[in-house]
Amino acid sequence: MDMPRFPDKYDWRGCEAVQFDPQKLSGRATVEDTRMDADGILDNFEDGMTVDEIVETYGVSREAVEKILAFAAAKGLKATA
């Protein structure tokens, strides 16, 4: 897997719900089959959005959001201001 052209805030390599596509957001980590960046999922969740709000607002699957949040928790990733 190639590294993203523009680095992400977090290292999403290995997360099943994330893809790196040079045609989407310059190769940044995006939620599978969308243009929503994975960083945004974690940041919005930690800013107080619920999983339901993220799913509804960004049109991503609940399964993808839950996988991203579980991956972040397992890796100890935290949103930073």
N, C-alpha and C. Protein backbone atom coordinates (compact mmCIF):
# COMPACT_ATOMS: atom_id res chain seq x y z
N MET A 1 0.85 -1.18 0.00
CA MET A 1 0.00 0.00 0.00
C MET A 1 0.89 1.24 0.00
N ASP A 2 0.63 2.15 -0.91
CA ASP A 2 1.40 3.38 -0.98
C ASP A 2 1.00 4.32 0.14
N MET A 3 1.97 5.11 0.58
CA MET A 3 1.69 6.12 1.60
C MET A 3 0.90 7.27 0.96
N PRO A 4 0.04 7.91 1.73
CA PRO A 4 -0.71 9.05 1.20
C PRO A 4 0.24 10.17 0.78
N ARG A 5 -0.16 10.92 -0.24
CA ARG A 5 0.65 12.02 -0.72
C ARG A 5 0.73 13.14 0.31
N PHE A 6 -0.38 13.45 0.93
CA PHE A 6 -0.42 14.44 2.00
C PHE A 6 -0.71 13.69 3.28
N PRO A 7 0.13 13.83 4.28
CA PRO A 7 -0.03 13.00 5.48
C PRO A 7 -1.33 13.27 6.22
N ASP A 8 -1.86 12.21 6.77
CA ASP A 8 -3.03 12.32 7.62
C ASP A 8 -2.59 12.72 9.02
N LYS A 9 -3.55 13.18 9.81
CA LYS A 9 -3.27 13.51 11.20
C LYS A 9 -2.91 12.26 11.99
N TYR A 10 -3.56 11.16 11.67
CA TYR A 10 -3.36 9.89 12.35
C TYR A 10 -2.91 8.83 11.35
N ASP A 11 -2.28 7.78 11.84
CA ASP A 11 -1.83 6.69 10.97
C ASP A 11 -2.94 5.64 10.89
N TRP A 12 -3.63 5.62 9.76
CA TRP A 12 -4.78 4.72 9.58
C TRP A 12 -4.41 3.42 8.87
N ARG A 13 -3.13 3.23 8.57
CA ARG A 13 -2.74 1.99 7.89
C ARG A 13 -3.14 0.79 8.75
N GLY A 14 -3.84 -0.15 8.13
CA GLY A 14 -4.29 -1.34 8.83
C GLY A 14 -5.75 -1.30 9.25
N CYS A 15 -6.39 -0.15 9.14
CA CYS A 15 -7.81 -0.04 9.49
C CYS A 15 -8.64 -0.55 8.31
N GLU A 16 -9.47 -1.56 8.56
CA GLU A 16 -10.27 -2.18 7.50
C GLU A 16 -11.26 -1.24 6.83
N ALA A 17 -11.70 -0.20 7.52
CA ALA A 17 -12.72 0.69 6.99
C ALA A 17 -12.15 1.88 6.22
N VAL A 18 -10.83 1.90 6.07
CA VAL A 18 -10.16 3.04 5.45
C VAL A 18 -9.48 2.61 4.16
N GLN A 19 -9.50 3.51 3.18
CA GLN A 19 -8.78 3.26 1.93
C GLN A 19 -7.93 4.46 1.60
N PHE A 20 -6.90 4.22 0.82
CA PHE A 20 -6.02 5.28 0.32
C PHE A 20 -6.13 5.28 -1.19
N ASP A 21 -6.79 6.29 -1.73
CA ASP A 21 -7.00 6.38 -3.18
C ASP A 21 -6.46 7.72 -3.65
N PRO A 22 -5.47 7.71 -4.52
CA PRO A 22 -4.89 8.98 -4.98
C PRO A 22 -5.90 9.89 -5.67
N GLN A 23 -7.05 9.35 -6.08
CA GLN A 23 -8.09 10.14 -6.73
C GLN A 23 -9.05 10.80 -5.72
N LYS A 24 -8.88 10.47 -4.44
CA LYS A 24 -9.75 11.04 -3.40
C LYS A 24 -8.90 11.76 -2.36
N LEU A 25 -9.16 13.02 -2.19
CA LEU A 25 -8.47 13.85 -1.20
C LEU A 25 -6.96 13.71 -1.28
N SER A 26 -6.45 13.66 -2.48
CA SER A 26 -5.00 13.57 -2.72
C SER A 26 -4.35 12.37 -2.04
N GLY A 27 -5.10 11.30 -1.91
CA GLY A 27 -4.54 10.08 -1.35
C GLY A 27 -4.63 9.95 0.15
N ARG A 28 -5.30 10.90 0.80
CA ARG A 28 -5.46 10.80 2.25
C ARG A 28 -6.37 9.64 2.60
N ALA A 29 -6.36 9.24 3.85
CA ALA A 29 -7.20 8.14 4.32
C ALA A 29 -8.66 8.57 4.29
N THR A 30 -9.47 7.80 3.54
CA THR A 30 -10.90 8.09 3.48
C THR A 30 -11.69 6.87 3.91
N VAL A 31 -12.92 7.11 4.35
CA VAL A 31 -13.82 6.03 4.72
C VAL A 31 -14.15 5.26 3.45
N GLU A 32 -14.13 3.94 3.53
CA GLU A 32 -14.34 3.09 2.36
C GLU A 32 -15.50 3.58 1.49
N ASP A 33 -15.22 3.69 0.21
CA ASP A 33 -16.20 4.07 -0.81
C ASP A 33 -16.82 5.45 -0.63
N THR A 34 -16.12 6.36 0.06
CA THR A 34 -16.60 7.74 0.22
C THR A 34 -15.43 8.70 0.03
N ARG A 35 -15.73 9.98 0.14
CA ARG A 35 -14.69 11.00 0.14
C ARG A 35 -14.52 11.61 1.53
N MET A 36 -15.14 11.01 2.53
CA MET A 36 -15.02 11.49 3.92
C MET A 36 -13.69 11.04 4.49
N ASP A 37 -12.93 11.98 5.03
CA ASP A 37 -11.63 11.60 5.57
C ASP A 37 -11.77 10.94 6.94
N ALA A 38 -10.92 9.96 7.17
CA ALA A 38 -10.96 9.19 8.42
C ALA A 38 -10.65 10.08 9.62
N ASP A 39 -9.74 11.03 9.45
CA ASP A 39 -9.42 11.96 10.54
C ASP A 39 -10.68 12.67 11.03
N GLY A 40 -11.53 13.05 10.08
CA GLY A 40 -12.76 13.78 10.42
C GLY A 40 -13.72 12.97 11.25
N ILE A 41 -13.76 11.66 11.02
CA ILE A 41 -14.63 10.79 11.83
C ILE A 41 -14.20 10.85 13.28
N LEU A 42 -12.91 10.63 13.53
CA LEU A 42 -12.42 10.65 14.91
C LEU A 42 -12.55 12.03 15.53
N ASP A 43 -12.16 13.06 14.80
CA ASP A 43 -12.25 14.42 15.34
C ASP A 43 -13.69 14.80 15.70
N ASN A 44 -14.63 14.51 14.82
CA ASN A 44 -16.03 14.85 15.10
C ASN A 44 -16.58 14.05 16.27
N PHE A 45 -16.22 12.78 16.37
CA PHE A 45 -16.67 11.96 17.50
C PHE A 45 -16.13 12.54 18.81
N GLU A 46 -14.86 12.87 18.82
CA GLU A 46 -14.27 13.41 20.05
C GLU A 46 -14.74 14.84 20.34
N ASP A 47 -15.27 15.51 19.34
CA ASP A 47 -15.86 16.85 19.55
C ASP A 47 -17.30 16.76 20.03
N GLY A 48 -17.83 15.52 20.18
CA GLY A 48 -19.15 15.36 20.76
C GLY A 48 -20.23 14.83 19.85
N MET A 49 -19.94 14.62 18.57
CA MET A 49 -20.95 14.04 17.69
C MET A 49 -21.15 12.56 18.06
N THR A 50 -22.37 12.10 17.97
CA THR A 50 -22.64 10.69 18.20
C THR A 50 -22.38 9.92 16.90
N VAL A 51 -22.31 8.60 17.02
CA VAL A 51 -22.15 7.76 15.84
C VAL A 51 -23.32 8.01 14.89
N ASP A 52 -24.54 8.06 15.43
CA ASP A 52 -25.72 8.32 14.59
C ASP A 52 -25.60 9.65 13.84
N GLU A 53 -25.13 10.69 14.52
CA GLU A 53 -24.98 12.00 13.87
C GLU A 53 -23.93 11.95 12.76
N ILE A 54 -22.83 11.24 13.00
CA ILE A 54 -21.79 11.11 11.98
C ILE A 54 -22.33 10.38 10.76
N VAL A 55 -23.03 9.28 11.00
CA VAL A 55 -23.61 8.49 9.91
C VAL A 55 -24.56 9.34 9.09
N GLU A 56 -25.45 10.06 9.76
CA GLU A 56 -26.44 10.88 9.07
C GLU A 56 -25.82 12.07 8.35
N THR A 57 -24.90 12.75 9.01
CA THR A 57 -24.30 13.97 8.46
C THR A 57 -23.39 13.69 7.27
N TYR A 58 -22.59 12.64 7.36
CA TYR A 58 -21.57 12.40 6.34
C TYR A 58 -21.89 11.25 5.38
N GLY A 59 -23.01 10.58 5.58
CA GLY A 59 -23.41 9.53 4.66
C GLY A 59 -22.47 8.33 4.63
N VAL A 60 -21.88 8.03 5.76
CA VAL A 60 -21.00 6.87 5.89
C VAL A 60 -21.76 5.77 6.64
N SER A 61 -21.30 4.55 6.51
CA SER A 61 -21.99 3.45 7.17
C SER A 61 -21.65 3.40 8.66
N ARG A 62 -22.61 2.94 9.43
CA ARG A 62 -22.39 2.76 10.87
C ARG A 62 -21.22 1.79 11.09
N GLU A 63 -21.19 0.72 10.29
CA GLU A 63 -20.13 -0.27 10.42
C GLU A 63 -18.75 0.36 10.23
N ALA A 64 -18.61 1.22 9.23
CA ALA A 64 -17.34 1.89 8.97
C ALA A 64 -16.95 2.79 10.13
N VAL A 65 -17.90 3.56 10.64
CA VAL A 65 -17.62 4.46 11.76
C VAL A 65 -17.18 3.64 12.97
N GLU A 66 -17.89 2.58 13.26
CA GLU A 66 -17.54 1.75 14.42
C GLU A 66 -16.17 1.11 14.26
N LYS A 67 -15.82 0.68 13.05
CA LYS A 67 -14.49 0.11 12.80
C LYS A 67 -13.40 1.16 13.00
N ILE A 68 -13.65 2.36 12.51
CA ILE A 68 -12.67 3.45 12.66
C ILE A 68 -12.48 3.80 14.12
N LEU A 69 -13.57 3.92 14.86
CA LEU A 69 -13.46 4.26 16.28
C LEU A 69 -12.79 3.15 17.08
N ALA A 70 -13.08 1.89 16.74
CA ALA A 70 -12.45 0.76 17.43
C ALA A 70 -10.94 0.73 17.11
N PHE A 71 -10.59 0.97 15.85
CA PHE A 71 -9.18 1.00 15.45
C PHE A 71 -8.46 2.12 16.22
N ALA A 72 -9.08 3.29 16.26
CA ALA A 72 -8.47 4.43 16.97
C ALA A 72 -8.28 4.11 18.44
N ALA A 73 -9.27 3.49 19.07
CA ALA A 73 -9.16 3.15 20.49
C ALA A 73 -8.05 2.13 20.72
N ALA A 74 -7.96 1.13 19.85
CA ALA A 74 -6.93 0.10 20.00
C ALA A 74 -5.52 0.68 19.82
N LYS A 75 -5.39 1.69 18.97
CA LYS A 75 -4.10 2.32 18.71
C LYS A 75 -3.81 3.48 19.67
N GLY A 76 -4.79 3.82 20.51
CA GLY A 76 -4.59 4.93 21.43
C GLY A 76 -4.61 6.30 20.76
N LEU A 77 -5.28 6.38 19.60
CA LEU A 77 -5.34 7.65 18.88
C LEU A 77 -6.33 8.60 19.57
N LYS A 78 -5.94 9.83 19.70
CA LYS A 78 -6.80 10.86 20.29
C LYS A 78 -6.77 12.09 19.40
N ALA A 79 -7.91 12.71 19.25
CA ALA A 79 -7.95 13.97 18.49
C ALA A 79 -7.19 15.03 19.27
N THR A 80 -6.48 15.86 18.54
CA THR A 80 -5.72 16.94 19.18
C THR A 80 -6.23 18.27 18.65
N ALA A 81 -6.22 19.25 19.50
CA ALA A 81 -6.70 20.58 19.12
C ALA A 81 -5.69 21.29 18.26
